[in-house]
Amino acid sequence: MKKTLEILGFILALQGLAGIVHAVTGWFHYGVLVRHLGFLDGYEIYASIVLAVLGVSMLIASDKADTWSEAGSGDRKHI
């Protein structure tokens, strides 16, 4: 679970940052997923920011995944 969150978080953060760079400078024409989605025309920068924030939050959640799995392994008392 942790490795999956890390991979997805990295990809989303990378796509978000590449989208922001593309919106500001015009670089990365083909590597940006947001650019190819037609329903986001005019909102590419906002979607890229959301992707970057979502990716970073998934990376943070992947660090917490170990502690969550350890805490859920029977250490808690059920009422």
N, C-alpha and C. Protein backbone atom coordinates (compact mmCIF):
# COMPACT_ATOMS: atom_id res chain seq x y z
N MET A 1 0.82 -1.19 0.00
CA MET A 1 0.00 0.00 0.00
C MET A 1 0.87 1.26 0.00
N LYS A 2 1.94 1.22 0.80
CA LYS A 2 2.80 2.38 0.90
C LYS A 2 3.47 2.67 -0.44
N LYS A 3 3.96 1.64 -1.11
CA LYS A 3 4.67 1.83 -2.37
C LYS A 3 3.70 2.35 -3.45
N THR A 4 2.46 1.88 -3.43
CA THR A 4 1.46 2.36 -4.40
C THR A 4 1.17 3.83 -4.19
N LEU A 5 1.01 4.24 -2.95
CA LEU A 5 0.78 5.66 -2.65
C LEU A 5 1.97 6.51 -3.05
N GLU A 6 3.17 5.99 -2.84
CA GLU A 6 4.36 6.74 -3.23
C GLU A 6 4.44 6.93 -4.73
N ILE A 7 4.17 5.88 -5.48
CA ILE A 7 4.25 5.96 -6.95
C ILE A 7 3.18 6.89 -7.50
N LEU A 8 1.94 6.73 -7.04
CA LEU A 8 0.86 7.60 -7.51
C LEU A 8 1.07 9.05 -7.10
N GLY A 9 1.53 9.25 -5.89
CA GLY A 9 1.81 10.61 -5.43
C GLY A 9 2.90 11.27 -6.23
N PHE A 10 3.95 10.53 -6.54
CA PHE A 10 5.04 11.08 -7.34
C PHE A 10 4.57 11.44 -8.74
N ILE A 11 3.79 10.56 -9.36
CA ILE A 11 3.30 10.83 -10.72
C ILE A 11 2.38 12.04 -10.73
N LEU A 12 1.47 12.13 -9.76
CA LEU A 12 0.56 13.27 -9.70
C LEU A 12 1.30 14.58 -9.43
N ALA A 13 2.25 14.54 -8.51
CA ALA A 13 3.02 15.75 -8.22
C ALA A 13 3.84 16.17 -9.44
N LEU A 14 4.43 15.22 -10.12
CA LEU A 14 5.22 15.53 -11.32
C LEU A 14 4.35 16.10 -12.42
N GLN A 15 3.16 15.53 -12.63
CA GLN A 15 2.24 16.06 -13.65
C GLN A 15 1.76 17.46 -13.28
N GLY A 16 1.50 17.68 -12.01
CA GLY A 16 1.07 19.00 -11.57
C GLY A 16 2.15 20.05 -11.77
N LEU A 17 3.38 19.72 -11.38
CA LEU A 17 4.48 20.67 -11.56
C LEU A 17 4.78 20.91 -13.03
N ALA A 18 4.73 19.86 -13.84
CA ALA A 18 4.95 20.02 -15.28
C ALA A 18 3.85 20.87 -15.91
N GLY A 19 2.62 20.70 -15.44
CA GLY A 19 1.52 21.52 -15.95
C GLY A 19 1.67 22.98 -15.59
N ILE A 20 2.16 23.25 -14.37
CA ILE A 20 2.38 24.64 -13.96
C ILE A 20 3.49 25.25 -14.80
N VAL A 21 4.58 24.50 -15.00
CA VAL A 21 5.69 25.01 -15.83
C VAL A 21 5.22 25.24 -17.26
N HIS A 22 4.40 24.33 -17.78
CA HIS A 22 3.88 24.51 -19.14
C HIS A 22 2.98 25.74 -19.25
N ALA A 23 2.16 25.97 -18.25
CA ALA A 23 1.26 27.12 -18.29
C ALA A 23 2.03 28.44 -18.20
N VAL A 24 3.13 28.44 -17.46
CA VAL A 24 3.89 29.67 -17.27
C VAL A 24 4.87 29.92 -18.42
N THR A 25 5.58 28.86 -18.84
CA THR A 25 6.65 29.05 -19.82
C THR A 25 6.33 28.50 -21.21
N GLY A 26 5.44 27.54 -21.31
CA GLY A 26 5.13 26.93 -22.59
C GLY A 26 5.96 25.70 -22.89
N TRP A 27 6.81 25.26 -21.97
CA TRP A 27 7.61 24.05 -22.16
C TRP A 27 6.76 22.82 -21.90
N PHE A 28 7.31 21.64 -22.14
CA PHE A 28 6.66 20.34 -21.90
C PHE A 28 5.33 20.21 -22.64
N HIS A 29 5.38 20.34 -23.95
CA HIS A 29 4.14 20.28 -24.74
C HIS A 29 3.46 18.92 -24.67
N TYR A 30 4.23 17.84 -24.72
CA TYR A 30 3.63 16.52 -24.84
C TYR A 30 3.59 15.74 -23.53
N GLY A 31 4.31 16.16 -22.53
CA GLY A 31 4.38 15.41 -21.29
C GLY A 31 3.32 15.77 -20.27
N VAL A 32 2.49 16.75 -20.56
CA VAL A 32 1.52 17.23 -19.58
C VAL A 32 0.14 16.65 -19.90
N LEU A 33 -0.39 15.89 -18.96
CA LEU A 33 -1.70 15.26 -19.16
C LEU A 33 -2.83 16.28 -19.21
N VAL A 34 -2.76 17.30 -18.38
CA VAL A 34 -3.84 18.29 -18.28
C VAL A 34 -4.04 19.02 -19.61
N ARG A 35 -2.97 19.20 -20.35
CA ARG A 35 -3.05 19.91 -21.63
C ARG A 35 -3.91 19.15 -22.64
N HIS A 36 -3.95 17.82 -22.53
CA HIS A 36 -4.66 16.99 -23.50
C HIS A 36 -6.13 16.76 -23.15
N LEU A 37 -6.56 17.23 -22.02
CA LEU A 37 -7.96 17.04 -21.62
C LEU A 37 -8.77 18.27 -22.06
N GLY A 38 -9.66 18.07 -23.00
CA GLY A 38 -10.40 19.18 -23.59
C GLY A 38 -11.34 19.90 -22.65
N PHE A 39 -11.90 19.20 -21.68
CA PHE A 39 -12.86 19.85 -20.79
C PHE A 39 -12.19 20.78 -19.79
N LEU A 40 -10.86 20.79 -19.75
CA LEU A 40 -10.13 21.69 -18.84
C LEU A 40 -9.59 22.92 -19.55
N ASP A 41 -10.06 23.18 -20.77
CA ASP A 41 -9.58 24.36 -21.50
C ASP A 41 -9.87 25.63 -20.72
N GLY A 42 -8.82 26.39 -20.48
CA GLY A 42 -8.94 27.61 -19.71
C GLY A 42 -8.70 27.43 -18.23
N TYR A 43 -8.68 26.19 -17.77
CA TYR A 43 -8.49 25.89 -16.35
C TYR A 43 -7.27 25.01 -16.10
N GLU A 44 -6.34 24.99 -17.05
CA GLU A 44 -5.19 24.11 -16.94
C GLU A 44 -4.32 24.42 -15.72
N ILE A 45 -4.11 25.69 -15.44
CA ILE A 45 -3.26 26.06 -14.31
C ILE A 45 -3.89 25.64 -12.99
N TYR A 46 -5.20 25.78 -12.87
CA TYR A 46 -5.88 25.38 -11.64
C TYR A 46 -5.85 23.86 -11.47
N ALA A 47 -6.08 23.14 -12.56
CA ALA A 47 -6.03 21.68 -12.50
C ALA A 47 -4.62 21.20 -12.17
N SER A 48 -3.61 21.88 -12.69
CA SER A 48 -2.23 21.51 -12.39
C SER A 48 -1.90 21.75 -10.93
N ILE A 49 -2.38 22.84 -10.38
CA ILE A 49 -2.16 23.11 -8.95
C ILE A 49 -2.84 22.04 -8.10
N VAL A 50 -4.05 21.66 -8.48
CA VAL A 50 -4.77 20.63 -7.74
C VAL A 50 -4.01 19.30 -7.83
N LEU A 51 -3.49 18.96 -9.01
CA LEU A 51 -2.72 17.72 -9.15
C LEU A 51 -1.46 17.75 -8.29
N ALA A 52 -0.77 18.88 -8.27
CA ALA A 52 0.45 18.98 -7.47
C ALA A 52 0.14 18.84 -5.98
N VAL A 53 -0.90 19.50 -5.52
CA VAL A 53 -1.28 19.41 -4.10
C VAL A 53 -1.74 18.00 -3.76
N LEU A 54 -2.50 17.38 -4.64
CA LEU A 54 -2.96 16.01 -4.40
C LEU A 54 -1.78 15.04 -4.37
N GLY A 55 -0.82 15.24 -5.27
CA GLY A 55 0.36 14.39 -5.29
C GLY A 55 1.19 14.51 -4.03
N VAL A 56 1.39 15.73 -3.56
CA VAL A 56 2.16 15.94 -2.34
C VAL A 56 1.42 15.36 -1.14
N SER A 57 0.10 15.50 -1.12
CA SER A 57 -0.67 14.94 0.00
C SER A 57 -0.62 13.41 -0.02
N MET A 58 -0.58 12.81 -1.20
CA MET A 58 -0.45 11.35 -1.27
C MET A 58 0.93 10.90 -0.82
N LEU A 59 1.96 11.69 -1.12
CA LEU A 59 3.30 11.36 -0.64
C LEU A 59 3.37 11.46 0.88
N ILE A 60 2.72 12.45 1.45
CA ILE A 60 2.68 12.57 2.91
C ILE A 60 1.89 11.40 3.51
N ALA A 61 0.79 11.03 2.87
CA ALA A 61 -0.01 9.92 3.36
C ALA A 61 0.76 8.60 3.27
N SER A 62 1.63 8.46 2.29
CA SER A 62 2.41 7.23 2.19
C SER A 62 3.39 7.11 3.34
N ASP A 63 3.89 8.21 3.85
CA ASP A 63 4.76 8.15 5.03
C ASP A 63 3.97 7.74 6.26
N LYS A 64 2.73 8.13 6.34
CA LYS A 64 1.88 7.79 7.47
C LYS A 64 1.30 6.38 7.35
N ALA A 65 1.37 5.77 6.19
CA ALA A 65 0.75 4.46 5.96
C ALA A 65 1.35 3.39 6.86
N ASP A 66 2.64 3.45 7.12
CA ASP A 66 3.25 2.47 8.01
C ASP A 66 2.71 2.57 9.42
N THR A 67 2.58 3.78 9.91
CA THR A 67 2.09 3.94 11.28
C THR A 67 0.63 3.54 11.39
N TRP A 68 -0.14 3.80 10.33
CA TRP A 68 -1.55 3.40 10.35
C TRP A 68 -1.67 1.88 10.34
N SER A 69 -0.87 1.20 9.54
CA SER A 69 -0.97 -0.26 9.47
C SER A 69 -0.48 -0.90 10.76
N GLU A 70 0.54 -0.31 11.40
CA GLU A 70 1.01 -0.84 12.67
C GLU A 70 -0.01 -0.62 13.77
N ALA A 71 -0.67 0.53 13.77
CA ALA A 71 -1.68 0.82 14.80
C ALA A 71 -2.91 -0.05 14.62
N GLY A 72 -3.21 -0.45 13.40
CA GLY A 72 -4.39 -1.26 13.15
C GLY A 72 -4.16 -2.75 13.28
N SER A 73 -2.98 -3.15 13.72
CA SER A 73 -2.67 -4.57 13.78
C SER A 73 -3.10 -5.26 15.07
N GLY A 74 -3.92 -4.61 15.84
CA GLY A 74 -4.43 -5.24 17.04
C GLY A 74 -4.02 -4.56 18.31
N ASP A 75 -3.35 -3.44 18.21
CA ASP A 75 -2.92 -2.72 19.40
C ASP A 75 -4.07 -2.01 20.10
N ARG A 76 -5.11 -1.69 19.35
CA ARG A 76 -6.22 -0.95 19.93
C ARG A 76 -7.20 -1.90 20.61
N LYS A 77 -7.80 -1.41 21.67
CA LYS A 77 -8.83 -2.19 22.35
C LYS A 77 -10.18 -1.81 21.78
N HIS A 78 -10.97 -2.82 21.52
CA HIS A 78 -12.31 -2.60 20.98
C HIS A 78 -13.31 -2.52 22.12
N ILE A 79 -14.21 -1.60 22.01
CA ILE A 79 -15.21 -1.40 23.06
C ILE A 79 -16.43 -2.23 22.75
